[in-house]
Amino acid sequence: MKELVEYIAKSMASQPDAVKVTEETDGEGRVILKLEVSAEDKGRVIGRQGRVAQSIRVLLRVAAIKKGTRAVLEIV
């Protein structure tokens, strides 16, 4: 799942080297993915009214369900 988010973000970013994804697990068994991008790419990753970020979250949710877990994306 981490690789999926990283691939999508690097594809959209103008500075793909600045993309960083960290993965954590909370006590409830959820996977929390934190996406960090450069300041100028943050708008591209979030999109107008958050549509791009919401689409990434939907894809992440589908990948998590296939693995039998839950996943949350945080854009930092």
PDB file of N, CA and C in Angstrom:
ATOM      1  N   MET A   1       0.822  -1.187   0.000  1.00  0.00           N
ATOM      2  CA  MET A   1       0.000   0.000   0.000  1.00  0.00           C
ATOM      3  C   MET A   1       0.867   1.252   0.000  1.00  0.00           C
ATOM      4  N   LYS A   2       1.964   1.175   0.738  1.00  0.00           N
ATOM      5  CA  LYS A   2       2.891   2.295   0.772  1.00  0.00           C
ATOM      6  C   LYS A   2       3.432   2.576  -0.623  1.00  0.00           C
ATOM      7  N   GLU A   3       3.745   1.520  -1.357  1.00  0.00           N
ATOM      8  CA  GLU A   3       4.293   1.669  -2.696  1.00  0.00           C
ATOM      9  C   GLU A   3       3.274   2.292  -3.650  1.00  0.00           C
ATOM     10  N   LEU A   4       2.007   1.948  -3.466  1.00  0.00           N
ATOM     11  CA  LEU A   4       0.945   2.501  -4.308  1.00  0.00           C
ATOM     12  C   LEU A   4       0.854   4.007  -4.132  1.00  0.00           C
ATOM     13  N   VAL A   5       0.792   4.463  -2.899  1.00  0.00           N
ATOM     14  CA  VAL A   5       0.684   5.899  -2.625  1.00  0.00           C
ATOM     15  C   VAL A   5       1.928   6.628  -3.118  1.00  0.00           C
ATOM     16  N   GLU A   6       3.081   6.024  -2.892  1.00  0.00           N
ATOM     17  CA  GLU A   6       4.333   6.643  -3.325  1.00  0.00           C
ATOM     18  C   GLU A   6       4.384   6.762  -4.846  1.00  0.00           C
ATOM     19  N   TYR A   7       3.958   5.741  -5.555  1.00  0.00           N
ATOM     20  CA  TYR A   7       3.948   5.760  -7.018  1.00  0.00           C
ATOM     21  C   TYR A   7       3.016   6.851  -7.549  1.00  0.00           C
ATOM     22  N   ILE A   8       1.822   6.950  -6.981  1.00  0.00           N
ATOM     23  CA  ILE A   8       0.854   7.949  -7.438  1.00  0.00           C
ATOM     24  C   ILE A   8       1.385   9.355  -7.178  1.00  0.00           C
ATOM     25  N   ALA A   9       1.912   9.586  -5.977  1.00  0.00           N
ATOM     26  CA  ALA A   9       2.395  10.920  -5.620  1.00  0.00           C
ATOM     27  C   ALA A   9       3.603  11.323  -6.459  1.00  0.00           C
ATOM     28  N   LYS A  10       4.524  10.389  -6.699  1.00  0.00           N
ATOM     29  CA  LYS A  10       5.701  10.708  -7.505  1.00  0.00           C
ATOM     30  C   LYS A  10       5.317  10.982  -8.949  1.00  0.00           C
ATOM     31  N   SER A  11       4.285  10.340  -9.436  1.00  0.00           N
ATOM     32  CA  SER A  11       3.830  10.559 -10.806  1.00  0.00           C
ATOM     33  C   SER A  11       3.264  11.957 -10.991  1.00  0.00           C
ATOM     34  N   MET A  12       2.657  12.502  -9.955  1.00  0.00           N
ATOM     35  CA  MET A  12       2.029  13.819 -10.041  1.00  0.00           C
ATOM     36  C   MET A  12       2.976  14.958  -9.681  1.00  0.00           C
ATOM     37  N   ALA A  13       3.959  14.703  -8.856  1.00  0.00           N
ATOM     38  CA  ALA A  13       4.802  15.759  -8.305  1.00  0.00           C
ATOM     39  C   ALA A  13       5.821  16.269  -9.320  1.00  0.00           C
ATOM     40  N   SER A  14       6.127  17.561  -9.235  1.00  0.00           N
ATOM     41  CA  SER A  14       7.181  18.127 -10.071  1.00  0.00           C
ATOM     42  C   SER A  14       8.549  17.853  -9.450  1.00  0.00           C
ATOM     43  N   GLN A  15       8.577  17.582  -8.146  1.00  0.00           N
ATOM     44  CA  GLN A  15       9.804  17.199  -7.447  1.00  0.00           C
ATOM     45  C   GLN A  15       9.599  15.817  -6.823  1.00  0.00           C
ATOM     46  N   PRO A  16       9.725  14.759  -7.623  1.00  0.00           N
ATOM     47  CA  PRO A  16       9.449  13.418  -7.097  1.00  0.00           C
ATOM     48  C   PRO A  16      10.423  12.961  -6.018  1.00  0.00           C
ATOM     49  N   ASP A  17      11.604  13.572  -5.959  1.00  0.00           N
ATOM     50  CA  ASP A  17      12.570  13.197  -4.919  1.00  0.00           C
ATOM     51  C   ASP A  17      12.125  13.661  -3.540  1.00  0.00           C
ATOM     52  N   ALA A  18      11.253  14.660  -3.486  1.00  0.00           N
ATOM     53  CA  ALA A  18      10.788  15.194  -2.202  1.00  0.00           C
ATOM     54  C   ALA A  18       9.620  14.397  -1.624  1.00  0.00           C
ATOM     55  N   VAL A  19       9.093  13.443  -2.376  1.00  0.00           N
ATOM     56  CA  VAL A  19       7.964  12.639  -1.911  1.00  0.00           C
ATOM     57  C   VAL A  19       8.458  11.610  -0.906  1.00  0.00           C
ATOM     58  N   LYS A  20       7.778  11.569   0.245  1.00  0.00           N
ATOM     59  CA  LYS A  20       8.153  10.616   1.290  1.00  0.00           C
ATOM     60  C   LYS A  20       6.877  10.058   1.913  1.00  0.00           C
ATOM     61  N   VAL A  21       6.811   8.740   2.005  1.00  0.00           N
ATOM     62  CA  VAL A  21       5.651   8.074   2.587  1.00  0.00           C
ATOM     63  C   VAL A  21       6.130   7.241   3.766  1.00  0.00           C
ATOM     64  N   THR A  22       5.515   7.470   4.931  1.00  0.00           N
ATOM     65  CA  THR A  22       5.839   6.662   6.107  1.00  0.00           C
ATOM     66  C   THR A  22       4.606   5.866   6.504  1.00  0.00           C
ATOM     67  N   GLU A  23       4.836   4.702   7.037  1.00  0.00           N
ATOM     68  CA  GLU A  23       3.750   3.778   7.377  1.00  0.00           C
ATOM     69  C   GLU A  23       3.801   3.480   8.870  1.00  0.00           C
ATOM     70  N   GLU A  24       2.659   3.613   9.527  1.00  0.00           N
ATOM     71  CA  GLU A  24       2.533   3.320  10.949  1.00  0.00           C
ATOM     72  C   GLU A  24       1.310   2.433  11.157  1.00  0.00           C
ATOM     73  N   THR A  25       1.273   1.760  12.277  1.00  0.00           N
ATOM     74  CA  THR A  25       0.113   0.954  12.641  1.00  0.00           C
ATOM     75  C   THR A  25      -0.385   1.433  13.996  1.00  0.00           C
ATOM     76  N   ASP A  26      -1.693   1.652  14.106  1.00  0.00           N
ATOM     77  CA  ASP A  26      -2.232   2.061  15.397  1.00  0.00           C
ATOM     78  C   ASP A  26      -2.748   0.840  16.154  1.00  0.00           C
ATOM     79  N   GLY A  27      -3.254   1.060  17.331  1.00  0.00           N
ATOM     80  CA  GLY A  27      -3.693  -0.030  18.186  1.00  0.00           C
ATOM     81  C   GLY A  27      -4.908  -0.778  17.681  1.00  0.00           C
ATOM     82  N   GLU A  28      -5.665  -0.183  16.780  1.00  0.00           N
ATOM     83  CA  GLU A  28      -6.882  -0.810  16.264  1.00  0.00           C
ATOM     84  C   GLU A  28      -6.621  -1.644  15.017  1.00  0.00           C
ATOM     85  N   GLY A  29      -5.368  -1.784  14.618  1.00  0.00           N
ATOM     86  CA  GLY A  29      -5.036  -2.582  13.445  1.00  0.00           C
ATOM     87  C   GLY A  29      -5.094  -1.828  12.139  1.00  0.00           C
ATOM     88  N   ARG A  30      -5.292  -0.519  12.202  1.00  0.00           N
ATOM     89  CA  ARG A  30      -5.312   0.295  10.989  1.00  0.00           C
ATOM     90  C   ARG A  30      -3.895   0.678  10.593  1.00  0.00           C
ATOM     91  N   VAL A  31      -3.684   0.813   9.308  1.00  0.00           N
ATOM     92  CA  VAL A  31      -2.410   1.286   8.779  1.00  0.00           C
ATOM     93  C   VAL A  31      -2.576   2.767   8.459  1.00  0.00           C
ATOM     94  N   ILE A  32      -1.688   3.579   9.002  1.00  0.00           N
ATOM     95  CA  ILE A  32      -1.724   5.020   8.758  1.00  0.00           C
ATOM     96  C   ILE A  32      -0.542   5.362   7.859  1.00  0.00           C
ATOM     97  N   LEU A  33      -0.839   5.897   6.690  1.00  0.00           N
ATOM     98  CA  LEU A  33       0.190   6.309   5.749  1.00  0.00           C
ATOM     99  C   LEU A  33       0.268   7.833   5.759  1.00  0.00           C
ATOM    100  N   LYS A  34       1.456   8.353   6.004  1.00  0.00           N
ATOM    101  CA  LYS A  34       1.663   9.801   6.007  1.00  0.00           C
ATOM    102  C   LYS A  34       2.449  10.177   4.764  1.00  0.00           C
ATOM    103  N   LEU A  35       1.864  11.035   3.951  1.00  0.00           N
ATOM    104  CA  LEU A  35       2.455  11.467   2.692  1.00  0.00           C
ATOM    105  C   LEU A  35       3.009  12.870   2.855  1.00  0.00           C
ATOM    106  N   GLU A  36       4.302  13.026   2.581  1.00  0.00           N
ATOM    107  CA  GLU A  36       4.947  14.332   2.630  1.00  0.00           C
ATOM    108  C   GLU A  36       5.428  14.679   1.231  1.00  0.00           C
ATOM    109  N   VAL A  37       5.075  15.881   0.775  1.00  0.00           N
ATOM    110  CA  VAL A  37       5.522  16.374  -0.528  1.00  0.00           C
ATOM    111  C   VAL A  37       6.047  17.794  -0.343  1.00  0.00           C
ATOM    112  N   SER A  38       6.712  18.326  -1.369  1.00  0.00           N
ATOM    113  CA  SER A  38       7.208  19.696  -1.290  1.00  0.00           C
ATOM    114  C   SER A  38       6.025  20.658  -1.245  1.00  0.00           C
ATOM    115  N   ALA A  39       6.292  21.865  -0.810  1.00  0.00           N
ATOM    116  CA  ALA A  39       5.230  22.866  -0.646  1.00  0.00           C
ATOM    117  C   ALA A  39       4.533  23.180  -1.969  1.00  0.00           C
ATOM    118  N   GLU A  40       5.293  23.220  -3.068  1.00  0.00           N
ATOM    119  CA  GLU A  40       4.662  23.557  -4.349  1.00  0.00           C
ATOM    120  C   GLU A  40       3.848  22.407  -4.918  1.00  0.00           C
ATOM    121  N   ASP A  41       4.123  21.176  -4.496  1.00  0.00           N
ATOM    122  CA  ASP A  41       3.378  20.025  -4.983  1.00  0.00           C
ATOM    123  C   ASP A  41       2.167  19.686  -4.121  1.00  0.00           C
ATOM    124  N   LYS A  42       2.051  20.304  -2.980  1.00  0.00           N
ATOM    125  CA  LYS A  42       0.949  19.989  -2.083  1.00  0.00           C
ATOM    126  C   LYS A  42      -0.405  20.271  -2.736  1.00  0.00           C
ATOM    127  N   GLY A  43      -0.493  21.353  -3.484  1.00  0.00           N
ATOM    128  CA  GLY A  43      -1.734  21.685  -4.183  1.00  0.00           C
ATOM    129  C   GLY A  43      -2.095  20.667  -5.241  1.00  0.00           C
ATOM    130  N   ARG A  44      -1.095  20.133  -5.922  1.00  0.00           N
ATOM    131  CA  ARG A  44      -1.351  19.117  -6.944  1.00  0.00           C
ATOM    132  C   ARG A  44      -1.845  17.820  -6.325  1.00  0.00           C
ATOM    133  N   VAL A  45      -1.257  17.455  -5.202  1.00  0.00           N
ATOM    134  CA  VAL A  45      -1.629  16.199  -4.554  1.00  0.00           C
ATOM    135  C   VAL A  45      -3.022  16.303  -3.938  1.00  0.00           C
ATOM    136  N   ILE A  46      -3.351  17.464  -3.396  1.00  0.00           N
ATOM    137  CA  ILE A  46      -4.675  17.634  -2.790  1.00  0.00           C
ATOM    138  C   ILE A  46      -5.736  17.865  -3.860  1.00  0.00           C
ATOM    139  N   GLY A  47      -5.430  18.673  -4.851  1.00  0.00           N
ATOM    140  CA  GLY A  47      -6.373  18.921  -5.942  1.00  0.00           C
ATOM    141  C   GLY A  47      -7.445  19.925  -5.567  1.00  0.00           C
ATOM    142  N   ARG A  48      -8.232  20.279  -6.527  1.00  0.00           N
ATOM    143  CA  ARG A  48      -9.313  21.239  -6.276  1.00  0.00           C
ATOM    144  C   ARG A  48     -10.373  20.604  -5.405  1.00  0.00           C
ATOM    145  N   GLN A  49     -10.663  21.286  -4.335  1.00  0.00           N
ATOM    146  CA  GLN A  49     -11.651  20.833  -3.342  1.00  0.00           C
ATOM    147  C   GLN A  49     -11.334  19.438  -2.822  1.00  0.00           C
ATOM    148  N   GLY A  50     -10.064  19.039  -2.890  1.00  0.00           N
ATOM    149  CA  GLY A  50      -9.639  17.762  -2.336  1.00  0.00           C
ATOM    150  C   GLY A  50     -10.011  16.548  -3.158  1.00  0.00           C
ATOM    151  N   ARG A  51     -10.313  16.757  -4.420  1.00  0.00           N
ATOM    152  CA  ARG A  51     -10.763  15.632  -5.253  1.00  0.00           C
ATOM    153  C   ARG A  51      -9.662  14.626  -5.526  1.00  0.00           C
ATOM    154  N   VAL A  52      -8.444  15.087  -5.787  1.00  0.00           N
ATOM    155  CA  VAL A  52      -7.334  14.173  -6.068  1.00  0.00           C
ATOM    156  C   VAL A  52      -6.986  13.378  -4.816  1.00  0.00           C
ATOM    157  N   ALA A  53      -6.925  14.065  -3.676  1.00  0.00           N
ATOM    158  CA  ALA A  53      -6.626  13.381  -2.417  1.00  0.00           C
ATOM    159  C   ALA A  53      -7.700  12.348  -2.104  1.00  0.00           C
ATOM    160  N   GLN A  54      -8.940  12.683  -2.376  1.00  0.00           N
ATOM    161  CA  GLN A  54     -10.027  11.738  -2.130  1.00  0.00           C
ATOM    162  C   GLN A  54      -9.919  10.528  -3.048  1.00  0.00           C
ATOM    163  N   SER A  55      -9.502  10.733  -4.274  1.00  0.00           N
ATOM    164  CA  SER A  55      -9.324   9.618  -5.208  1.00  0.00           C
ATOM    165  C   SER A  55      -8.194   8.696  -4.758  1.00  0.00           C
ATOM    166  N   ILE A  56      -7.112   9.293  -4.273  1.00  0.00           N
ATOM    167  CA  ILE A  56      -6.002   8.484  -3.759  1.00  0.00           C
ATOM    168  C   ILE A  56      -6.470   7.671  -2.559  1.00  0.00           C
ATOM    169  N   ARG A  57      -7.274   8.278  -1.702  1.00  0.00           N
ATOM    170  CA  ARG A  57      -7.789   7.568  -0.523  1.00  0.00           C
ATOM    171  C   ARG A  57      -8.696   6.403  -0.925  1.00  0.00           C
ATOM    172  N   VAL A  58      -9.491   6.576  -1.975  1.00  0.00           N
ATOM    173  CA  VAL A  58     -10.366   5.497  -2.445  1.00  0.00           C
ATOM    174  C   VAL A  58      -9.525   4.328  -2.956  1.00  0.00           C
ATOM    175  N   LEU A  59      -8.498   4.626  -3.751  1.00  0.00           N
ATOM    176  CA  LEU A  59      -7.621   3.563  -4.249  1.00  0.00           C
ATOM    177  C   LEU A  59      -6.909   2.850  -3.101  1.00  0.00           C
ATOM    178  N   LEU A  60      -6.495   3.617  -2.111  1.00  0.00           N
ATOM    179  CA  LEU A  60      -5.838   3.034  -0.944  1.00  0.00           C
ATOM    180  C   LEU A  60      -6.798   2.146  -0.170  1.00  0.00           C
ATOM    181  N   ARG A  61      -8.024   2.587  -0.033  1.00  0.00           N
ATOM    182  CA  ARG A  61      -9.031   1.796   0.679  1.00  0.00           C
ATOM    183  C   ARG A  61      -9.288   0.471  -0.024  1.00  0.00           C
ATOM    184  N   VAL A  62      -9.343   0.492  -1.353  1.00  0.00           N
ATOM    185  CA  VAL A  62      -9.552  -0.737  -2.121  1.00  0.00           C
ATOM    186  C   VAL A  62      -8.379  -1.692  -1.940  1.00  0.00           C
ATOM    187  N   ALA A  63      -7.156  -1.164  -1.994  1.00  0.00           N
ATOM    188  CA  ALA A  63      -5.973  -2.006  -1.799  1.00  0.00           C
ATOM    189  C   ALA A  63      -5.940  -2.586  -0.395  1.00  0.00           C
ATOM    190  N   ALA A  64      -6.378  -1.805   0.595  1.00  0.00           N
ATOM    191  CA  ALA A  64      -6.392  -2.286   1.978  1.00  0.00           C
ATOM    192  C   ALA A  64      -7.426  -3.382   2.161  1.00  0.00           C
ATOM    193  N   ILE A  65      -8.578  -3.236   1.540  1.00  0.00           N
ATOM    194  CA  ILE A  65      -9.622  -4.253   1.668  1.00  0.00           C
ATOM    195  C   ILE A  65      -9.154  -5.559   1.040  1.00  0.00           C
ATOM    196  N   LYS A  66      -8.422  -5.480  -0.059  1.00  0.00           N
ATOM    197  CA  LYS A  66      -7.886  -6.694  -0.675  1.00  0.00           C
ATOM    198  C   LYS A  66      -6.933  -7.424   0.267  1.00  0.00           C
ATOM    199  N   LYS A  67      -6.201  -6.657   1.089  1.00  0.00           N
ATOM    200  CA  LYS A  67      -5.281  -7.270   2.048  1.00  0.00           C
ATOM    201  C   LYS A  67      -5.967  -7.616   3.369  1.00  0.00           C
ATOM    202  N   GLY A  68      -7.208  -7.208   3.528  1.00  0.00           N
ATOM    203  CA  GLY A  68      -7.955  -7.521   4.743  1.00  0.00           C
ATOM    204  C   GLY A  68      -7.657  -6.589   5.903  1.00  0.00           C
ATOM    205  N   THR A  69      -7.208  -5.361   5.615  1.00  0.00           N
ATOM    206  CA  THR A  69      -6.935  -4.392   6.655  1.00  0.00           C
ATOM    207  C   THR A  69      -7.665  -3.088   6.349  1.00  0.00           C
ATOM    208  N   ARG A  70      -7.430  -2.095   7.191  1.00  0.00           N
ATOM    209  CA  ARG A  70      -7.944  -0.753   6.954  1.00  0.00           C
ATOM    210  C   ARG A  70      -6.772   0.192   6.842  1.00  0.00           C
ATOM    211  N   ALA A  71      -6.903   1.202   5.997  1.00  0.00           N
ATOM    212  CA  ALA A  71      -5.816   2.134   5.799  1.00  0.00           C
ATOM    213  C   ALA A  71      -6.350   3.564   5.772  1.00  0.00           C
ATOM    214  N   VAL A  72      -5.525   4.488   6.270  1.00  0.00           N
ATOM    215  CA  VAL A  72      -5.858   5.902   6.327  1.00  0.00           C
ATOM    216  C   VAL A  72      -4.693   6.669   5.720  1.00  0.00           C
ATOM    217  N   LEU A  73      -4.998   7.678   4.905  1.00  0.00           N
ATOM    218  CA  LEU A  73      -3.963   8.516   4.296  1.00  0.00           C
ATOM    219  C   LEU A  73      -4.011   9.911   4.916  1.00  0.00           C
ATOM    220  N   GLU A  74      -2.857  10.360   5.392  1.00  0.00           N
ATOM    221  CA  GLU A  74      -2.722  11.710   5.921  1.00  0.00           C
ATOM    222  C   GLU A  74      -1.705  12.437   5.054  1.00  0.00           C
ATOM    223  N   ILE A  75      -2.082  13.604   4.565  1.00  0.00           N
ATOM    224  CA  ILE A  75      -1.160  14.426   3.769  1.00  0.00           C
ATOM    225  C   ILE A  75      -0.592  15.491   4.682  1.00  0.00           C
ATOM    226  N   VAL A  76       0.720  15.426   4.871  1.00  0.00           N
ATOM    227  CA  VAL A  76       1.382  16.320   5.831  1.00  0.00           C
ATOM    228  C   VAL A  76       2.066  17.433   5.087  1.00  0.00           C
TER     229      VAL A  76
END
